Amino acid sequence: MPPPLPQSAPVTLRPIGVVQSPFSSTSGMPIQTVAAGEVQGSLRVFDEFAAGLRDIEGFEYLMLITHLHQATEKLEVVPFMDTQSHGVFATRAPARPNRIGLSIVQLVRVQACVLHFLGNDMLHGTPVLDIKPYVPALDVRQTERIGWFAQGLTRLPTTLSDERMK
């Protein structure tokens, strides 16, 4: 068994593509893809990763793992759907130590190396680190224990991003 990775060892990731989005600022953006169902976006996958797109058109939804390139790093935040501070790992706030994002989007069409989708909650220029197909049988879990989100979800339909994560 290899020795554990030292706590401070860097992990290097490289983008596989970049998001094209109508949002150039974090203020006023949808805060979750489920609240952005009709917002269009596209992902331009770099040519060197084109072979990885084979068979992707067979999926209705994709999970895009992104680098939240304009977010800051915080350990405690007041999330968009609450007025109380929480530890960042108990939220979906973009201000996190590694600034990793996850967006579940609806694939509309594939055009060469460009994936067109609905449900865009990402900034223009967001680097995409990976794409995974969304498969309900593997990805959906039923639970009633959702912490502070139990009250916060009522705010989702009308809540937009603001400057609090900068």
N, C-alpha and C. Protein backbone atom coordinates (compact mmCIF):
# COMPACT_ATOMS: atom_id res chain seq x y z
N MET A 1 0.85 -1.17 0.00
CA MET A 1 0.00 0.00 0.00
C MET A 1 0.90 1.25 0.00
N PRO A 2 0.64 2.19 -0.91
CA PRO A 2 1.50 3.39 -0.96
C PRO A 2 1.27 4.27 0.27
N PRO A 3 2.26 5.06 0.62
CA PRO A 3 2.09 5.95 1.78
C PRO A 3 1.06 7.03 1.45
N PRO A 4 0.39 7.57 2.47
CA PRO A 4 -0.61 8.61 2.23
C PRO A 4 0.04 9.87 1.65
N LEU A 5 -0.71 10.58 0.88
CA LEU A 5 -0.26 11.83 0.29
C LEU A 5 -0.11 12.88 1.39
N PRO A 6 0.99 13.61 1.41
CA PRO A 6 1.12 14.66 2.41
C PRO A 6 -0.01 15.68 2.26
N GLN A 7 -0.44 16.24 3.37
CA GLN A 7 -1.56 17.17 3.38
C GLN A 7 -1.38 18.35 2.43
N SER A 8 -0.18 18.82 2.28
CA SER A 8 0.04 20.01 1.47
C SER A 8 0.47 19.70 0.03
N ALA A 9 0.48 18.44 -0.35
CA ALA A 9 0.91 18.08 -1.71
C ALA A 9 -0.09 18.63 -2.73
N PRO A 10 0.39 19.31 -3.74
CA PRO A 10 -0.53 19.85 -4.75
C PRO A 10 -1.11 18.75 -5.64
N VAL A 11 -2.32 18.99 -6.10
CA VAL A 11 -2.97 18.13 -7.06
C VAL A 11 -3.14 18.98 -8.32
N THR A 12 -2.64 18.50 -9.43
CA THR A 12 -2.70 19.27 -10.66
C THR A 12 -3.79 18.72 -11.57
N LEU A 13 -4.69 19.59 -11.98
CA LEU A 13 -5.75 19.22 -12.91
C LEU A 13 -5.65 20.12 -14.13
N ARG A 14 -6.07 19.60 -15.27
CA ARG A 14 -6.07 20.43 -16.47
C ARG A 14 -7.48 20.44 -17.05
N PRO A 15 -7.93 21.59 -17.50
CA PRO A 15 -9.27 21.67 -18.08
C PRO A 15 -9.36 20.84 -19.36
N ILE A 16 -10.55 20.28 -19.58
CA ILE A 16 -10.82 19.56 -20.82
C ILE A 16 -11.61 20.43 -21.79
N GLY A 17 -12.09 21.55 -21.30
CA GLY A 17 -12.88 22.45 -22.13
C GLY A 17 -13.28 23.67 -21.33
N VAL A 18 -14.10 24.52 -21.97
CA VAL A 18 -14.50 25.77 -21.34
C VAL A 18 -15.97 26.05 -21.68
N VAL A 19 -16.67 26.64 -20.70
CA VAL A 19 -18.10 26.94 -20.84
C VAL A 19 -18.27 28.28 -21.55
N GLN A 20 -19.23 28.30 -22.45
CA GLN A 20 -19.68 29.54 -23.06
C GLN A 20 -21.05 29.83 -22.46
N SER A 21 -21.19 31.01 -21.87
CA SER A 21 -22.35 31.32 -21.06
C SER A 21 -22.78 32.77 -21.25
N PRO A 22 -24.04 33.08 -21.03
CA PRO A 22 -24.47 34.48 -21.07
C PRO A 22 -24.04 35.27 -19.83
N PHE A 23 -23.50 34.59 -18.82
CA PHE A 23 -23.15 35.26 -17.57
C PHE A 23 -21.68 35.64 -17.54
N SER A 24 -21.41 36.93 -17.45
CA SER A 24 -20.03 37.41 -17.36
C SER A 24 -19.69 37.87 -15.94
N SER A 25 -20.68 37.88 -15.07
CA SER A 25 -20.50 38.28 -13.68
C SER A 25 -21.28 37.32 -12.79
N THR A 26 -20.78 37.09 -11.59
CA THR A 26 -21.48 36.19 -10.68
C THR A 26 -22.76 36.80 -10.14
N SER A 27 -22.86 38.10 -10.07
CA SER A 27 -24.07 38.74 -9.56
C SER A 27 -25.24 38.52 -10.50
N GLY A 28 -26.36 38.04 -9.94
CA GLY A 28 -27.56 37.85 -10.72
C GLY A 28 -27.68 36.52 -11.43
N MET A 29 -26.73 35.63 -11.24
CA MET A 29 -26.77 34.30 -11.86
C MET A 29 -27.69 33.36 -11.07
N PRO A 30 -28.25 32.34 -11.73
CA PRO A 30 -28.93 31.29 -10.97
C PRO A 30 -27.91 30.59 -10.07
N ILE A 31 -28.38 30.12 -8.92
CA ILE A 31 -27.43 29.51 -7.97
C ILE A 31 -27.37 27.99 -8.07
N GLN A 32 -28.28 27.38 -8.80
CA GLN A 32 -28.27 25.94 -9.00
C GLN A 32 -28.84 25.66 -10.39
N THR A 33 -28.43 24.57 -11.00
CA THR A 33 -28.92 24.25 -12.34
C THR A 33 -30.43 24.01 -12.36
N VAL A 34 -30.98 23.48 -11.30
CA VAL A 34 -32.41 23.21 -11.24
C VAL A 34 -33.22 24.51 -11.33
N ALA A 35 -32.63 25.63 -10.94
CA ALA A 35 -33.30 26.94 -11.02
C ALA A 35 -32.96 27.65 -12.32
N ALA A 36 -32.21 27.00 -13.20
CA ALA A 36 -31.77 27.60 -14.46
C ALA A 36 -32.16 26.72 -15.64
N GLY A 37 -33.28 26.02 -15.51
CA GLY A 37 -33.68 25.02 -16.49
C GLY A 37 -33.72 25.47 -17.94
N GLU A 38 -34.04 26.73 -18.17
CA GLU A 38 -34.14 27.23 -19.54
C GLU A 38 -32.94 28.06 -19.97
N VAL A 39 -31.94 28.20 -19.10
CA VAL A 39 -30.76 29.00 -19.43
C VAL A 39 -29.79 28.16 -20.26
N GLN A 40 -29.51 28.64 -21.47
CA GLN A 40 -28.64 27.91 -22.38
C GLN A 40 -27.16 28.15 -22.07
N GLY A 41 -26.39 27.18 -22.42
CA GLY A 41 -24.93 27.28 -22.33
C GLY A 41 -24.34 26.25 -23.27
N SER A 42 -23.05 26.32 -23.42
CA SER A 42 -22.36 25.30 -24.22
C SER A 42 -20.99 25.05 -23.62
N LEU A 43 -20.49 23.88 -23.93
CA LEU A 43 -19.16 23.48 -23.48
C LEU A 43 -18.35 23.17 -24.72
N ARG A 44 -17.28 23.91 -24.91
CA ARG A 44 -16.34 23.66 -26.01
C ARG A 44 -15.26 22.76 -25.46
N VAL A 45 -15.29 21.49 -25.87
CA VAL A 45 -14.29 20.52 -25.43
C VAL A 45 -13.06 20.69 -26.33
N PHE A 46 -11.90 20.77 -25.73
CA PHE A 46 -10.67 20.95 -26.49
C PHE A 46 -10.43 19.74 -27.40
N ASP A 47 -9.86 20.00 -28.56
CA ASP A 47 -9.67 18.97 -29.58
C ASP A 47 -8.96 17.72 -29.06
N GLU A 48 -8.00 17.89 -28.19
CA GLU A 48 -7.24 16.74 -27.70
C GLU A 48 -8.10 15.77 -26.89
N PHE A 49 -9.30 16.21 -26.47
CA PHE A 49 -10.20 15.35 -25.69
C PHE A 49 -11.43 14.92 -26.49
N ALA A 50 -11.46 15.22 -27.77
CA ALA A 50 -12.63 14.94 -28.61
C ALA A 50 -13.03 13.47 -28.60
N ALA A 51 -12.09 12.57 -28.61
CA ALA A 51 -12.41 11.13 -28.62
C ALA A 51 -13.21 10.72 -27.38
N GLY A 52 -13.04 11.45 -26.30
CA GLY A 52 -13.77 11.15 -25.08
C GLY A 52 -15.25 11.45 -25.15
N LEU A 53 -15.69 12.14 -26.20
CA LEU A 53 -17.10 12.48 -26.37
C LEU A 53 -17.91 11.38 -27.06
N ARG A 54 -17.23 10.35 -27.55
CA ARG A 54 -17.94 9.28 -28.26
C ARG A 54 -19.06 8.71 -27.40
N ASP A 55 -20.25 8.63 -27.95
CA ASP A 55 -21.46 8.06 -27.33
C ASP A 55 -22.12 8.99 -26.31
N ILE A 56 -21.64 10.20 -26.12
CA ILE A 56 -22.21 11.09 -25.12
C ILE A 56 -23.62 11.54 -25.48
N GLU A 57 -23.95 11.55 -26.79
CA GLU A 57 -25.28 11.99 -27.20
C GLU A 57 -26.38 11.04 -26.71
N GLY A 58 -26.03 9.88 -26.20
CA GLY A 58 -27.00 8.93 -25.68
C GLY A 58 -27.51 9.28 -24.29
N PHE A 59 -27.03 10.36 -23.71
CA PHE A 59 -27.43 10.74 -22.36
C PHE A 59 -28.22 12.05 -22.38
N GLU A 60 -29.26 12.11 -21.56
CA GLU A 60 -30.06 13.33 -21.48
C GLU A 60 -29.43 14.35 -20.54
N TYR A 61 -28.83 13.87 -19.47
CA TYR A 61 -28.21 14.77 -18.49
C TYR A 61 -26.74 14.41 -18.30
N LEU A 62 -25.95 15.45 -18.06
CA LEU A 62 -24.52 15.29 -17.79
C LEU A 62 -24.16 16.02 -16.51
N MET A 63 -23.16 15.52 -15.82
CA MET A 63 -22.59 16.23 -14.68
C MET A 63 -21.28 16.86 -15.14
N LEU A 64 -21.21 18.17 -15.04
CA LEU A 64 -20.00 18.90 -15.39
C LEU A 64 -19.26 19.25 -14.11
N ILE A 65 -18.04 18.80 -14.01
CA ILE A 65 -17.20 19.12 -12.86
C ILE A 65 -16.30 20.26 -13.29
N THR A 66 -16.40 21.36 -12.56
CA THR A 66 -15.77 22.60 -13.00
C THR A 66 -14.83 23.17 -11.96
N HIS A 67 -14.00 24.09 -12.42
CA HIS A 67 -13.18 24.90 -11.53
C HIS A 67 -13.85 26.26 -11.45
N LEU A 68 -14.28 26.65 -10.25
CA LEU A 68 -14.97 27.92 -10.05
C LEU A 68 -13.92 29.03 -10.01
N HIS A 69 -13.47 29.40 -11.18
CA HIS A 69 -12.27 30.22 -11.36
C HIS A 69 -12.38 31.64 -10.81
N GLN A 70 -13.58 32.13 -10.55
CA GLN A 70 -13.70 33.48 -10.00
C GLN A 70 -14.15 33.48 -8.55
N ALA A 71 -14.26 32.32 -7.95
CA ALA A 71 -14.66 32.23 -6.55
C ALA A 71 -13.44 32.42 -5.64
N THR A 72 -13.72 32.75 -4.40
CA THR A 72 -12.67 32.87 -3.40
C THR A 72 -12.66 31.60 -2.55
N GLU A 73 -11.71 31.52 -1.66
CA GLU A 73 -11.63 30.36 -0.77
C GLU A 73 -12.03 30.78 0.63
N LYS A 74 -13.08 30.13 1.15
CA LYS A 74 -13.58 30.40 2.50
C LYS A 74 -13.93 29.08 3.17
N LEU A 75 -13.91 29.07 4.49
CA LEU A 75 -14.33 27.88 5.24
C LEU A 75 -15.69 28.05 5.90
N GLU A 76 -16.14 29.29 6.05
CA GLU A 76 -17.46 29.57 6.58
C GLU A 76 -18.12 30.59 5.67
N VAL A 77 -19.39 30.36 5.34
CA VAL A 77 -20.12 31.23 4.42
C VAL A 77 -21.56 31.38 4.87
N VAL A 78 -22.18 32.46 4.43
CA VAL A 78 -23.63 32.61 4.51
C VAL A 78 -24.14 32.24 3.12
N PRO A 79 -24.73 31.06 2.97
CA PRO A 79 -25.14 30.62 1.64
C PRO A 79 -26.27 31.48 1.08
N PHE A 80 -26.44 31.42 -0.23
CA PHE A 80 -27.44 32.23 -0.90
C PHE A 80 -28.86 31.94 -0.42
N MET A 81 -29.14 30.72 0.01
CA MET A 81 -30.49 30.34 0.44
C MET A 81 -30.68 30.41 1.95
N ASP A 82 -29.82 31.14 2.65
CA ASP A 82 -29.95 31.24 4.10
C ASP A 82 -29.39 32.58 4.56
N THR A 83 -29.65 32.90 5.81
CA THR A 83 -29.12 34.12 6.40
C THR A 83 -28.13 33.82 7.51
N GLN A 84 -27.92 32.54 7.80
CA GLN A 84 -27.01 32.11 8.85
C GLN A 84 -25.71 31.57 8.25
N SER A 85 -24.63 31.73 8.99
CA SER A 85 -23.34 31.21 8.55
C SER A 85 -23.28 29.70 8.79
N HIS A 86 -22.63 29.00 7.85
CA HIS A 86 -22.44 27.55 7.94
C HIS A 86 -21.01 27.23 7.50
N GLY A 87 -20.50 26.09 7.92
CA GLY A 87 -19.24 25.61 7.38
C GLY A 87 -19.43 25.33 5.90
N VAL A 88 -18.47 25.69 5.09
CA VAL A 88 -18.62 25.59 3.63
C VAL A 88 -18.94 24.17 3.17
N PHE A 89 -18.46 23.16 3.89
CA PHE A 89 -18.72 21.79 3.47
C PHE A 89 -20.16 21.36 3.75
N ALA A 90 -20.92 22.18 4.48
CA ALA A 90 -22.35 21.93 4.70
C ALA A 90 -23.19 22.78 3.74
N THR A 91 -22.54 23.32 2.71
CA THR A 91 -23.22 24.16 1.72
C THR A 91 -22.81 23.74 0.31
N ARG A 92 -23.41 24.41 -0.66
CA ARG A 92 -22.99 24.25 -2.05
C ARG A 92 -22.39 25.55 -2.55
N ALA A 93 -21.95 26.38 -1.65
CA ALA A 93 -21.38 27.68 -1.99
C ALA A 93 -20.14 27.52 -2.87
N PRO A 94 -19.94 28.46 -3.81
CA PRO A 94 -18.77 28.38 -4.67
C PRO A 94 -17.46 28.74 -3.96
N ALA A 95 -17.54 29.46 -2.87
CA ALA A 95 -16.34 29.86 -2.12
C ALA A 95 -15.90 28.68 -1.26
N ARG A 96 -14.96 27.89 -1.77
CA ARG A 96 -14.50 26.68 -1.09
C ARG A 96 -13.01 26.52 -1.29
N PRO A 97 -12.35 25.70 -0.48
CA PRO A 97 -10.90 25.59 -0.59
C PRO A 97 -10.38 25.21 -1.98
N ASN A 98 -11.02 24.28 -2.66
CA ASN A 98 -10.53 23.89 -3.98
C ASN A 98 -11.38 24.43 -5.13
N ARG A 99 -12.39 25.16 -4.82
CA ARG A 99 -13.26 25.82 -5.81
C ARG A 99 -13.73 24.86 -6.90
N ILE A 100 -14.18 23.68 -6.48
CA ILE A 100 -14.71 22.68 -7.40
C ILE A 100 -16.22 22.85 -7.48
N GLY A 101 -16.75 22.86 -8.71
CA GLY A 101 -18.18 22.97 -8.92
C GLY A 101 -18.74 21.74 -9.58
N LEU A 102 -20.03 21.51 -9.40
CA LEU A 102 -20.74 20.40 -10.01
C LEU A 102 -22.06 20.93 -10.55
N SER A 103 -22.26 20.82 -11.84
CA SER A 103 -23.50 21.27 -12.46
C SER A 103 -24.10 20.11 -13.25
N ILE A 104 -25.37 19.81 -12.96
CA ILE A 104 -26.09 18.79 -13.72
C ILE A 104 -26.88 19.53 -14.79
N VAL A 105 -26.52 19.29 -16.05
CA VAL A 105 -27.13 20.01 -17.16
C VAL A 105 -27.84 19.04 -18.11
N GLN A 106 -28.82 19.57 -18.85
CA GLN A 106 -29.54 18.77 -19.83
C GLN A 106 -28.91 18.94 -21.19
N LEU A 107 -28.40 17.86 -21.74
CA LEU A 107 -27.75 17.89 -23.04
C LEU A 107 -28.81 18.06 -24.13
N VAL A 108 -28.67 19.09 -24.95
CA VAL A 108 -29.62 19.38 -26.03
C VAL A 108 -29.12 18.80 -27.34
N ARG A 109 -27.85 19.05 -27.63
CA ARG A 109 -27.27 18.50 -28.86
C ARG A 109 -25.75 18.54 -28.78
N VAL A 110 -25.14 17.71 -29.62
CA VAL A 110 -23.69 17.65 -29.74
C VAL A 110 -23.36 18.11 -31.15
N GLN A 111 -22.45 19.05 -31.25
CA GLN A 111 -22.03 19.60 -32.54
C GLN A 111 -20.51 19.57 -32.57
N ALA A 112 -19.96 18.50 -33.15
CA ALA A 112 -18.51 18.28 -33.15
C ALA A 112 -18.02 18.25 -31.70
N CYS A 113 -17.16 19.20 -31.31
CA CYS A 113 -16.62 19.23 -29.94
C CYS A 113 -17.38 20.19 -29.03
N VAL A 114 -18.58 20.58 -29.42
CA VAL A 114 -19.37 21.51 -28.60
C VAL A 114 -20.63 20.80 -28.11
N LEU A 115 -20.81 20.83 -26.79
CA LEU A 115 -22.01 20.29 -26.17
C LEU A 115 -22.92 21.46 -25.83
N HIS A 116 -24.13 21.46 -26.38
CA HIS A 116 -25.11 22.50 -26.09
C HIS A 116 -26.04 21.96 -25.01
N PHE A 117 -26.33 22.78 -24.01
CA PHE A 117 -27.11 22.28 -22.88
C PHE A 117 -28.02 23.36 -22.31
N LEU A 118 -28.97 22.91 -21.49
CA LEU A 118 -29.85 23.77 -20.70
C LEU A 118 -29.52 23.53 -19.23
N GLY A 119 -29.85 24.53 -18.41
CA GLY A 119 -29.57 24.43 -16.98
C GLY A 119 -28.26 25.07 -16.61
N ASN A 120 -27.90 26.12 -17.33
CA ASN A 120 -26.59 26.76 -17.13
C ASN A 120 -26.58 27.65 -15.89
N ASP A 121 -25.72 27.33 -14.95
CA ASP A 121 -25.49 28.17 -13.77
C ASP A 121 -24.01 28.53 -13.65
N MET A 122 -23.33 28.60 -14.81
CA MET A 122 -21.89 28.83 -14.82
C MET A 122 -21.53 30.12 -15.54
N LEU A 123 -20.41 30.69 -15.15
CA LEU A 123 -19.89 31.89 -15.79
C LEU A 123 -19.27 31.57 -17.15
N HIS A 124 -19.28 32.55 -18.02
CA HIS A 124 -18.56 32.43 -19.29
C HIS A 124 -17.08 32.23 -18.97
N GLY A 125 -16.48 31.26 -19.60
CA GLY A 125 -15.07 30.98 -19.38
C GLY A 125 -14.77 29.99 -18.27
N THR A 126 -15.81 29.42 -17.66
CA THR A 126 -15.58 28.45 -16.59
C THR A 126 -14.84 27.23 -17.14
N PRO A 127 -13.69 26.88 -16.55
CA PRO A 127 -12.97 25.68 -16.99
C PRO A 127 -13.71 24.41 -16.54
N VAL A 128 -13.87 23.47 -17.45
CA VAL A 128 -14.49 22.19 -17.12
C VAL A 128 -13.37 21.16 -16.95
N LEU A 129 -13.41 20.46 -15.82
CA LEU A 129 -12.37 19.49 -15.50
C LEU A 129 -12.75 18.07 -15.93
N ASP A 130 -14.06 17.78 -15.95
CA ASP A 130 -14.50 16.44 -16.31
C ASP A 130 -15.99 16.47 -16.64
N ILE A 131 -16.43 15.45 -17.34
CA ILE A 131 -17.83 15.25 -17.69
C ILE A 131 -18.17 13.82 -17.29
N LYS A 132 -19.31 13.65 -16.64
CA LYS A 132 -19.78 12.31 -16.31
C LYS A 132 -21.26 12.22 -16.68
N PRO A 133 -21.69 11.08 -17.21
CA PRO A 133 -23.12 10.94 -17.50
C PRO A 133 -23.92 10.83 -16.20
N TYR A 134 -25.07 11.46 -16.21
CA TYR A 134 -26.00 11.36 -15.08
C TYR A 134 -26.89 10.15 -15.31
N VAL A 135 -26.89 9.21 -14.36
CA VAL A 135 -27.67 7.98 -14.46
C VAL A 135 -28.49 7.87 -13.17
N PRO A 136 -29.80 8.14 -13.24
CA PRO A 136 -30.61 8.16 -12.02
C PRO A 136 -30.45 6.93 -11.13
N ALA A 137 -30.38 5.74 -11.70
CA ALA A 137 -30.26 4.52 -10.89
C ALA A 137 -28.97 4.52 -10.06
N LEU A 138 -27.97 5.24 -10.52
CA LEU A 138 -26.70 5.32 -9.79
C LEU A 138 -26.58 6.58 -8.94
N ASP A 139 -27.25 7.65 -9.35
CA ASP A 139 -26.99 8.96 -8.76
C ASP A 139 -28.08 9.48 -7.82
N VAL A 140 -29.30 8.95 -7.87
CA VAL A 140 -30.38 9.48 -7.04
C VAL A 140 -30.46 8.70 -5.74
N ARG A 141 -30.52 9.42 -4.65
CA ARG A 141 -30.71 8.84 -3.32
C ARG A 141 -31.88 9.54 -2.66
N GLN A 142 -32.79 8.79 -2.09
CA GLN A 142 -33.92 9.38 -1.36
C GLN A 142 -33.51 9.58 0.09
N THR A 143 -33.75 10.78 0.59
CA THR A 143 -33.42 11.08 1.98
C THR A 143 -34.30 12.20 2.49
N GLU A 144 -34.53 12.21 3.75
CA GLU A 144 -35.26 13.30 4.40
C GLU A 144 -34.31 14.18 5.20
N ARG A 145 -33.08 13.72 5.41
CA ARG A 145 -32.11 14.45 6.24
C ARG A 145 -31.26 15.35 5.35
N ILE A 146 -31.67 16.62 5.21
CA ILE A 146 -30.96 17.56 4.34
C ILE A 146 -30.53 18.82 5.07
N GLY A 147 -30.35 18.71 6.39
CA GLY A 147 -29.81 19.82 7.17
C GLY A 147 -30.58 21.12 7.01
N TRP A 148 -29.87 22.22 7.01
CA TRP A 148 -30.48 23.54 6.92
C TRP A 148 -31.19 23.77 5.59
N PHE A 149 -30.89 22.95 4.56
CA PHE A 149 -31.56 23.09 3.27
C PHE A 149 -33.07 22.87 3.39
N ALA A 150 -33.52 22.16 4.42
CA ALA A 150 -34.96 21.92 4.59
C ALA A 150 -35.73 23.23 4.59
N GLN A 151 -35.19 24.27 5.19
CA GLN A 151 -35.83 25.58 5.16
C GLN A 151 -35.36 26.40 3.96
N GLY A 152 -34.12 26.26 3.58
CA GLY A 152 -33.54 27.08 2.52
C GLY A 152 -34.10 26.80 1.14
N LEU A 153 -34.56 25.60 0.87
CA LEU A 153 -35.04 25.25 -0.46
C LEU A 153 -36.24 26.09 -0.90
N THR A 154 -37.00 26.61 0.05
CA THR A 154 -38.14 27.44 -0.33
C THR A 154 -37.70 28.72 -1.02
N ARG A 155 -36.47 29.14 -0.79
CA ARG A 155 -35.94 30.36 -1.40
C ARG A 155 -35.35 30.14 -2.79
N LEU A 156 -35.12 28.91 -3.18
CA LEU A 156 -34.41 28.61 -4.42
C LEU A 156 -35.02 29.25 -5.67
N PRO A 157 -36.33 29.17 -5.90
CA PRO A 157 -36.86 29.69 -7.17
C PRO A 157 -36.60 31.18 -7.42
N THR A 158 -36.43 31.96 -6.37
CA THR A 158 -36.27 33.41 -6.55
C THR A 158 -34.90 33.93 -6.15
N THR A 159 -34.00 33.06 -5.74
CA THR A 159 -32.70 33.50 -5.26
C THR A 159 -31.67 33.48 -6.39
N LEU A 160 -30.97 34.61 -6.52
CA LEU A 160 -29.89 34.71 -7.49
C LEU A 160 -28.58 34.96 -6.75
N SER A 161 -27.50 34.69 -7.41
CA SER A 161 -26.17 34.91 -6.83
C SER A 161 -25.95 36.40 -6.59
N ASP A 162 -25.15 36.70 -5.57
CA ASP A 162 -24.76 38.08 -5.31
C ASP A 162 -23.27 38.11 -5.00
N GLU A 163 -22.81 39.16 -4.40
CA GLU A 163 -21.37 39.35 -4.19
C GLU A 163 -20.83 38.70 -2.91
N ARG A 164 -21.65 38.02 -2.15
CA ARG A 164 -21.18 37.52 -0.84
C ARG A 164 -20.09 36.48 -0.89
N MET A 165 -19.84 35.84 -2.02
CA MET A 165 -18.81 34.81 -2.10
C MET A 165 -17.46 35.37 -2.57
N LYS A 166 -17.38 36.66 -2.78
CA LYS A 166 -16.12 37.26 -3.21
C LYS A 166 -15.29 37.67 -2.03
